[in-house]
Protein backbone atom coordinates (compact mmCIF):
# COMPACT_ATOMS: atom_id res chain seq x y z
CA UNK A 1 -1.86 42.63 -6.63
CA UNK A 2 -0.78 43.64 -3.13
CA UNK A 3 -0.42 40.97 -0.48
CA UNK A 4 -2.30 41.72 2.73
CA UNK A 5 -0.77 41.25 6.17
CA UNK A 6 -3.18 38.42 6.87
CA UNK A 7 -2.16 36.60 3.67
CA UNK A 8 1.52 37.06 4.45
CA UNK A 9 1.01 35.68 7.96
CA UNK A 10 -0.83 32.69 6.56
CA UNK A 11 1.95 31.94 4.07
CA UNK A 12 4.56 32.40 6.77
CA UNK A 13 2.74 30.02 9.12
CA UNK A 14 2.38 27.41 6.36
CA UNK A 15 6.09 27.61 5.52
CA UNK A 16 7.10 27.38 9.18
CA UNK A 17 4.80 24.40 9.75
CA UNK A 18 6.18 22.67 6.64
CA UNK A 19 9.77 23.28 7.81
CA UNK A 20 9.06 21.88 11.28
CA UNK A 21 7.26 18.86 9.84
CA UNK A 22 10.15 18.18 7.48
CA UNK A 23 12.65 18.42 10.35
CA UNK A 24 10.56 15.98 12.39
CA UNK A 25 10.31 13.56 9.43
CA UNK A 26 14.09 13.63 8.93
CA UNK A 27 14.70 13.02 12.63
CA UNK A 28 12.07 10.27 12.59
CA UNK A 29 13.81 8.51 9.71
CA UNK A 30 17.26 8.92 11.25
CA UNK A 31 16.22 7.03 14.39
CA UNK A 32 13.48 4.66 13.21
CA UNK A 33 15.05 3.07 10.12
CA UNK A 34 18.53 2.40 11.61
CA UNK A 35 16.85 1.04 14.75
CA UNK A 36 14.76 -1.36 12.64
CA UNK A 37 17.91 -2.60 10.89
CA UNK A 38 19.93 -2.93 14.11
CA UNK A 39 17.19 -4.82 15.96
CA UNK A 40 17.06 -7.35 13.11
CA UNK A 41 20.85 -7.69 13.03
CA UNK A 42 20.85 -8.49 16.74
CA UNK A 43 18.03 -11.00 16.19
CA UNK A 44 19.84 -12.97 13.47
CA UNK A 45 20.46 -15.95 15.83
CA UNK A 46 16.67 -16.14 16.33
CA UNK A 47 16.24 -16.23 12.55
CA UNK A 48 18.35 -19.38 12.46
CA UNK A 49 16.74 -21.02 15.48
CA UNK A 50 13.11 -19.95 14.96
CA UNK A 51 12.48 -18.29 11.62
CA UNK A 52 8.74 -17.93 12.25
CA UNK A 53 9.28 -15.89 15.43
CA UNK A 54 11.93 -13.76 13.72
CA UNK A 55 9.61 -12.77 10.87
CA UNK A 56 6.79 -12.17 13.34
CA UNK A 57 8.95 -9.60 15.17
CA UNK A 58 10.12 -8.11 11.88
CA UNK A 59 6.50 -7.75 10.80
CA UNK A 60 5.57 -5.90 13.99
CA UNK A 61 8.50 -3.48 13.54
CA UNK A 62 7.54 -3.06 9.87
CA UNK A 63 3.96 -2.22 10.81
CA UNK A 64 5.20 0.39 13.29
CA UNK A 65 7.37 2.00 10.62
CA UNK A 66 4.39 2.23 8.27
CA UNK A 67 2.31 3.66 11.11
CA UNK A 68 4.91 6.42 11.53
CA UNK A 69 4.48 7.30 7.85
CA UNK A 70 0.69 7.22 8.34
CA UNK A 71 1.02 9.56 11.33
CA UNK A 72 2.57 12.30 9.19
CA UNK A 73 -0.62 12.46 7.13
CA UNK A 74 -2.98 11.78 10.02
CA UNK A 75 -1.65 14.70 12.05
CA UNK A 76 -1.87 16.96 8.99
CA UNK A 77 -5.59 16.18 8.68
CA UNK A 78 -5.31 13.81 5.71
CA UNK A 79 -7.82 11.17 6.76
CA UNK A 80 -9.53 8.26 5.02
CA UNK A 81 -13.15 7.20 4.55
CA UNK A 82 -13.77 3.64 3.36
CA UNK A 83 -16.60 2.28 1.20
CA UNK A 84 -17.79 -1.02 -0.20
CA UNK A 85 -16.89 -4.44 1.20
CA UNK A 86 -15.39 -4.75 4.66
CA UNK A 87 -11.90 -6.20 4.08
CA UNK A 88 -11.45 -6.93 7.77
CA UNK A 89 -13.54 -10.04 7.13
CA UNK A 90 -10.73 -11.52 5.02
CA UNK A 91 -7.76 -9.99 6.83
CA UNK A 92 -6.49 -13.41 7.99
CA UNK A 93 -6.77 -14.99 4.52
CA UNK A 94 -4.39 -14.62 1.59
CA UNK A 95 -5.38 -11.87 -0.82
CA UNK A 96 -4.11 -9.92 -3.81
CA UNK A 97 -4.91 -6.18 -3.71
CA UNK A 98 -5.31 -4.33 -7.04
CA UNK A 99 -5.07 -0.55 -6.70
CA UNK A 100 -5.41 2.35 -9.15
CA UNK A 101 -2.36 4.61 -9.18
CA UNK A 102 -2.54 8.41 -9.30
CA UNK A 103 0.36 9.73 -7.21
CA UNK A 104 3.05 8.85 -4.65
CA UNK A 105 0.51 9.52 -1.90
CA UNK A 106 -1.40 6.35 -2.90
CA UNK A 107 1.13 4.23 -1.01
CA UNK A 108 0.88 6.48 2.06
CA UNK A 109 -2.91 6.23 1.94
CA UNK A 110 -2.72 2.43 1.93
CA UNK A 111 -0.19 2.50 4.76
CA UNK A 112 -2.77 4.45 6.75
CA UNK A 113 -6.04 2.70 5.94
CA UNK A 114 -4.65 -0.83 6.35
CA UNK A 115 -3.29 -0.14 9.84
CA UNK A 116 -6.51 -1.24 11.54
CA UNK A 117 -6.95 -4.42 9.46
CA UNK A 118 -5.52 -6.94 11.90
CA UNK A 119 -2.25 -8.57 10.87
CA UNK A 120 -2.44 -7.35 7.27
CA UNK A 121 0.30 -4.69 7.36
CA UNK A 122 2.95 -6.82 9.02
CA UNK A 123 2.25 -9.78 6.71
CA UNK A 124 1.91 -7.97 3.40
CA UNK A 125 4.24 -7.80 0.41
CA UNK A 126 4.41 -4.77 -1.87
CA UNK A 127 5.19 -4.63 -5.58
CA UNK A 128 6.66 -1.23 -6.36
CA UNK A 129 8.76 0.58 -8.93
CA UNK A 130 12.46 -0.21 -8.68
CA UNK A 131 13.31 3.45 -8.06
CA UNK A 132 11.76 3.08 -4.60
CA UNK A 133 14.72 0.85 -3.69
CA UNK A 134 16.93 3.94 -3.64
CA UNK A 135 14.77 5.98 -1.25
CA UNK A 136 15.24 6.23 2.49
CA UNK A 137 12.70 3.42 2.99
CA UNK A 138 14.34 1.15 0.42
CA UNK A 139 16.48 -0.77 2.92
CA UNK A 140 13.36 -1.56 4.98
CA UNK A 141 11.49 -2.91 1.95
CA UNK A 142 14.51 -4.98 0.92
CA UNK A 143 14.70 -6.63 4.34
CA UNK A 144 10.93 -7.10 4.52
CA UNK A 145 10.98 -8.88 1.16
CA UNK A 146 9.04 -6.50 -1.09
CA UNK A 147 9.60 -6.79 -4.84
CA UNK A 148 10.99 -3.93 -6.92
CA UNK A 149 9.82 -4.15 -10.50
CA UNK A 150 11.50 -2.38 -13.43
CA UNK A 151 9.05 -0.95 -15.95
CA UNK A 152 9.42 -1.00 -19.73
CA UNK A 153 9.08 -3.52 -22.56
CA UNK A 154 12.77 -4.39 -22.60
CA UNK A 155 12.65 -5.55 -18.97
CA UNK A 156 9.13 -7.03 -18.87
CA UNK A 157 9.79 -10.73 -19.50
CA UNK A 158 12.83 -10.84 -17.24
CA UNK A 159 11.01 -9.03 -14.45
CA UNK A 160 8.14 -11.51 -14.52
CA UNK A 161 10.58 -14.42 -14.16
CA UNK A 162 12.26 -12.64 -11.26
CA UNK A 163 8.86 -11.97 -9.66
CA UNK A 164 7.92 -15.65 -9.85
CA UNK A 165 11.24 -16.66 -8.26
CA UNK A 166 10.82 -13.99 -5.57
CA UNK A 167 7.33 -15.18 -4.64
CA UNK A 168 8.43 -18.81 -4.46
CA UNK A 169 11.40 -17.93 -2.28
CA UNK A 170 9.97 -15.35 0.12
CA UNK A 171 6.16 -15.21 0.16
CA UNK A 172 5.32 -18.33 2.15
CA UNK A 173 8.66 -18.68 3.95
CA UNK A 174 8.02 -15.28 5.57
CA UNK A 175 4.33 -15.99 6.17
CA UNK A 176 3.05 -13.28 3.85
CA UNK A 177 -0.72 -13.09 3.34
CA UNK A 178 -1.52 -9.98 1.28
CA UNK A 179 0.27 -8.77 -1.83
CA UNK A 180 -0.33 -5.23 -3.13
CA UNK A 181 0.24 -4.13 -6.71
CA UNK A 182 -0.66 -1.29 -9.07
CA UNK A 183 -1.58 -3.01 -12.37
CA UNK A 184 -1.59 0.22 -14.40
CA UNK A 185 2.21 0.19 -14.27
CA UNK A 186 2.61 3.90 -13.52
CA UNK A 187 0.91 7.11 -12.49
CA UNK A 188 -2.34 8.11 -14.20
CA UNK A 189 -0.94 11.38 -15.55
CA UNK A 190 1.97 9.55 -17.22
CA UNK A 191 0.06 6.64 -18.72
CA UNK A 192 -3.36 8.12 -19.59
CA UNK A 193 -2.55 9.33 -23.12
CA UNK A 194 -0.84 6.07 -24.13
CA UNK A 195 -3.66 4.01 -22.62
CA UNK A 196 -6.33 6.01 -24.43
CA UNK A 197 -4.50 5.60 -27.74
CA UNK A 198 -4.28 1.83 -27.15
CA UNK A 199 -7.98 1.71 -26.24
CA UNK A 200 -8.95 3.57 -29.42
CA UNK A 201 -6.82 1.27 -31.56
CA UNK A 202 -8.32 -1.86 -30.01
CA UNK A 203 -11.94 -0.67 -29.72
CA UNK A 204 -11.83 -0.54 -25.91
CA UNK A 205 -13.61 1.95 -23.63
CA UNK A 206 -12.20 5.48 -23.33
CA UNK A 207 -11.03 5.95 -19.72
CA UNK A 208 -10.21 9.29 -18.04
CA UNK A 209 -9.80 8.47 -14.35
CA UNK A 210 -7.82 5.22 -14.71
CA UNK A 211 -5.76 3.51 -17.40
CA UNK A 212 -6.00 0.01 -18.84
CA UNK A 213 -4.10 -2.42 -16.58
CA UNK A 214 -1.22 -4.66 -17.59
CA UNK A 215 -1.58 -8.41 -17.26
CA UNK A 216 1.94 -9.67 -16.46
CA UNK A 217 2.40 -9.31 -12.70
CA UNK A 218 -1.22 -10.22 -11.92
CA UNK A 219 -0.98 -13.42 -13.95
CA UNK A 220 2.32 -14.44 -12.31
CA UNK A 221 0.91 -13.86 -8.83
CA UNK A 222 -2.20 -15.93 -9.54
CA UNK A 223 -0.23 -18.77 -11.10
CA UNK A 224 2.29 -18.84 -8.27
CA UNK A 225 0.14 -18.28 -5.20
CA UNK A 226 -3.21 -19.90 -6.00
CA UNK A 227 -3.35 -23.53 -4.87
CA UNK A 228 -3.81 -25.38 -8.19
CA UNK A 229 -5.96 -28.18 -6.76
CA UNK A 230 -8.50 -25.67 -5.42
CA UNK A 231 -8.13 -22.45 -7.44
CA UNK A 232 -9.82 -20.56 -4.63
CA UNK A 233 -12.62 -21.41 -2.25
CA UNK A 234 -16.29 -20.55 -2.00
CA UNK A 235 -16.95 -17.16 -0.49
CA UNK A 236 -19.61 -18.06 2.06
CA UNK A 237 -19.23 -18.87 5.72
CA UNK A 238 -16.66 -18.44 8.46
CA UNK A 239 -16.04 -22.19 8.60
CA UNK A 240 -15.02 -22.21 4.96
CA UNK A 241 -12.75 -19.22 5.55
CA UNK A 242 -11.04 -20.89 8.50
CA UNK A 243 -10.50 -24.10 6.57
CA UNK A 244 -9.04 -22.25 3.57
CA UNK A 245 -6.18 -20.52 5.37
CA UNK A 246 -3.53 -22.92 4.08
CA UNK A 247 -4.95 -23.28 0.59
CA UNK A 248 -3.16 -20.42 -1.09
CA UNK A 249 -4.46 -17.13 -2.39
CA UNK A 250 -8.18 -16.86 -1.65
CA UNK A 251 -9.30 -13.36 -2.60
CA UNK A 252 -8.74 -10.50 -5.00
CA UNK A 253 -9.49 -7.12 -3.41
CA UNK A 254 -10.21 -4.47 -6.02
CA UNK A 255 -9.28 -1.18 -4.35
CA UNK A 256 -10.16 2.24 -5.76
CA UNK A 257 -8.64 5.43 -4.34
CA UNK A 258 -10.45 8.74 -4.93
CA UNK A 259 -9.17 12.17 -3.95
CA UNK A 260 -11.36 15.27 -3.43
CA UNK A 261 -11.87 17.08 -6.75
CA UNK A 262 -9.57 14.52 -8.37
CA UNK A 263 -6.49 16.22 -6.90
CA UNK A 264 -4.11 13.49 -5.66
CA UNK A 265 -1.98 13.92 -2.56
CA UNK A 266 1.71 13.34 -3.29
CA UNK A 267 4.45 12.35 -0.86
CA UNK A 268 5.71 15.94 -0.56
CA UNK A 269 2.29 17.12 0.59
CA UNK A 270 2.03 14.16 2.96
CA UNK A 271 5.34 15.13 4.59
CA UNK A 272 5.12 18.91 4.57
CA UNK A 273 1.37 19.24 5.20
CA UNK A 274 0.99 22.50 3.27
CA UNK A 275 -2.33 21.44 1.73
CA UNK A 276 -5.54 21.97 3.68
CA UNK A 277 -6.91 18.91 5.55
CA UNK A 278 -8.53 16.52 3.08
CA UNK A 279 -10.42 13.23 3.14
CA UNK A 280 -9.29 10.49 0.76
CA UNK A 281 -11.93 7.93 -0.14
CA UNK A 282 -11.11 4.24 -0.62
CA UNK A 283 -13.56 1.74 -2.11
CA UNK A 284 -13.14 -2.05 -1.77
CA UNK A 285 -14.72 -4.90 -3.70
CA UNK A 286 -13.79 -8.48 -2.81
CA UNK A 287 -13.76 -11.32 -5.37
CA UNK A 288 -13.16 -15.01 -4.57
CA UNK A 289 -10.17 -16.26 -6.56
CA UNK A 290 -12.30 -19.10 -7.92
CA UNK A 291 -14.21 -16.44 -9.90
CA UNK A 292 -11.05 -15.07 -11.53
CA UNK A 293 -10.23 -16.75 -14.88
CA UNK A 294 -6.80 -18.30 -15.34
CA UNK A 295 -6.43 -18.15 -19.12
CA UNK A 296 -4.53 -15.03 -20.32
CA UNK A 297 -7.23 -13.70 -22.68
CA UNK A 298 -10.04 -14.23 -20.17
CA UNK A 299 -7.93 -12.79 -17.34
CA UNK A 300 -7.11 -9.73 -19.45
CA UNK A 301 -10.81 -9.14 -20.10
CA UNK A 302 -11.57 -9.65 -16.39
CA UNK A 303 -8.88 -7.10 -15.41
CA UNK A 304 -10.12 -4.62 -18.01
CA UNK A 305 -13.63 -4.98 -16.60
CA UNK A 306 -12.37 -4.16 -13.09
CA UNK A 307 -10.80 -0.93 -14.30
CA UNK A 308 -13.85 -0.01 -16.37
CA UNK A 309 -15.80 -0.38 -13.13
CA UNK A 310 -13.23 1.80 -11.38
CA UNK A 311 -13.82 4.43 -14.06
CA UNK A 312 -17.56 4.33 -13.33
CA UNK A 313 -16.95 4.47 -9.57
CA UNK A 314 -14.66 7.48 -9.88
CA UNK A 315 -16.96 9.28 -12.32
CA UNK A 316 -19.83 8.88 -9.86
CA UNK A 317 -17.63 10.01 -6.98
CA UNK A 318 -16.39 13.16 -8.72
CA UNK A 319 -19.97 14.07 -9.69
CA UNK A 320 -21.61 13.39 -6.33
CA UNK A 321 -18.88 13.26 -3.68
CA UNK A 322 -19.77 9.66 -2.81
CA UNK A 323 -19.38 6.20 -4.27
CA UNK A 324 -22.54 4.55 -5.65
CA UNK A 325 -24.41 1.99 -3.52
CA UNK A 326 -23.79 -1.73 -4.17
CA UNK A 327 -26.09 -3.41 -6.66
CA UNK A 328 -29.51 -4.05 -5.14
CA UNK A 329 -29.08 -1.41 -2.41
CA UNK A 330 -30.35 2.16 -2.30
CA UNK A 331 -27.64 3.74 -0.15
CA UNK A 332 -23.87 3.40 0.07
CA UNK A 333 -22.47 3.13 3.58
CA UNK A 334 -19.15 4.76 4.39
CA UNK A 335 -16.83 4.08 7.33
CA UNK A 336 -14.41 6.58 8.82
CA UNK A 337 -11.00 5.04 9.30
CA UNK A 338 -9.42 6.06 12.62
CA UNK A 339 -5.99 5.88 14.22
CA UNK A 340 -5.23 6.17 17.92
CA UNK A 341 -3.14 9.26 18.63
CA UNK A 342 -1.94 7.62 21.84
CA UNK A 343 -0.70 4.60 19.89
CA UNK A 344 1.02 6.80 17.31
CA UNK A 345 2.77 8.79 20.05
CA UNK A 346 3.80 5.50 21.72
CA UNK A 347 5.49 4.08 18.61
CA UNK A 348 7.13 7.43 17.81
CA UNK A 349 8.46 7.52 21.38
CA UNK A 350 9.71 3.95 21.04
CA UNK A 351 11.57 4.93 17.85
CA UNK A 352 13.31 7.90 19.46
CA UNK A 353 14.11 5.93 22.64
CA UNK A 354 15.54 3.14 20.47
CA UNK A 355 17.66 5.65 18.59
CA UNK A 356 18.98 7.02 21.88
CA UNK A 357 19.69 3.51 23.15
CA UNK A 358 21.67 2.53 20.05
CA UNK A 359 23.60 5.80 20.15
CA UNK A 360 24.58 5.27 23.80
CA UNK A 361 25.52 1.66 23.10
CA UNK A 362 27.81 2.59 20.23
CA UNK A 363 29.34 5.40 22.27
CA UNK A 364 30.07 2.93 25.07
CA UNK A 365 31.59 0.39 22.67
CA UNK A 366 33.70 3.09 21.05
CA UNK A 367 35.14 4.21 24.39
CA UNK A 368 35.77 0.58 25.42
CA UNK A 369 37.64 -0.18 22.22
CA UNK A 370 39.50 3.07 21.78
């Protein structure tokens, strides 16, 4: 089949755009990540004198780095529409976020849609696969205090002990409030067949759009971060919310990501932008921690029920293009998530100016010493 001139021009434009975007991303990383590290090295005396202020500044820089990642997708037309509960209402409380996992773009989507949720991004902790430690962003996550978990049965028990120790050492000392994890333990395409076989063997529902979650990390987080004397607080009223700030983990936010036609956006697409503009849909449901069972068997059943509900949500979305309305309501309300282009340009400019400043400083020191 012959390729028309118009088709060739379109392919050429897409390739050129992808090349330019990749060059910008590389330059962005080369100035932003070293600048983040160098600023924190210079601020080490503040860490000793006033740890709270140090981690506040680190959190702001961390949020800006995540906003830069969000900007790559935003400027390519990969936007987000949100459904369900409004998580801004609990953005100042401690929460655990449970997310379905389809592709590498899930993390980028969260980096984008949580940007306008108050202090959440700068005070959040991520649980991610250990391989992420060896990416360009790995050094940032290490400094920020994220936890890298190694998958597989042979590592499971040890990893859960390490997670508990990590939470006890870093979560409260660095004033973290939200913790994000993917309970499925891997991408949908990699785990679906195994999960379906397990479900069949144990007389559990057959799931296509999600897999059955694993209990370990969720149980450790709840045991470690929920204040034992309270085990959560009632969900009603701003006064209760304000009073509960220092009482440990308060909420579980069940988050469901849906892509148009069930075609996930991966990190390569996010960076290169060769896919047509697309809207990713994110659904939230908030549960008070007091409603989450503590016993392993009951917690397992509760987690399974959340992912069965995710299956129903995604089935409805793929059939209709929208999430179903909440129980007792006739219409689901969606909210377009927006980012300020001016703000994104400002933080990108700050990154490049910082890179230039550090380069000039090292040049000056080199000439002084040699």
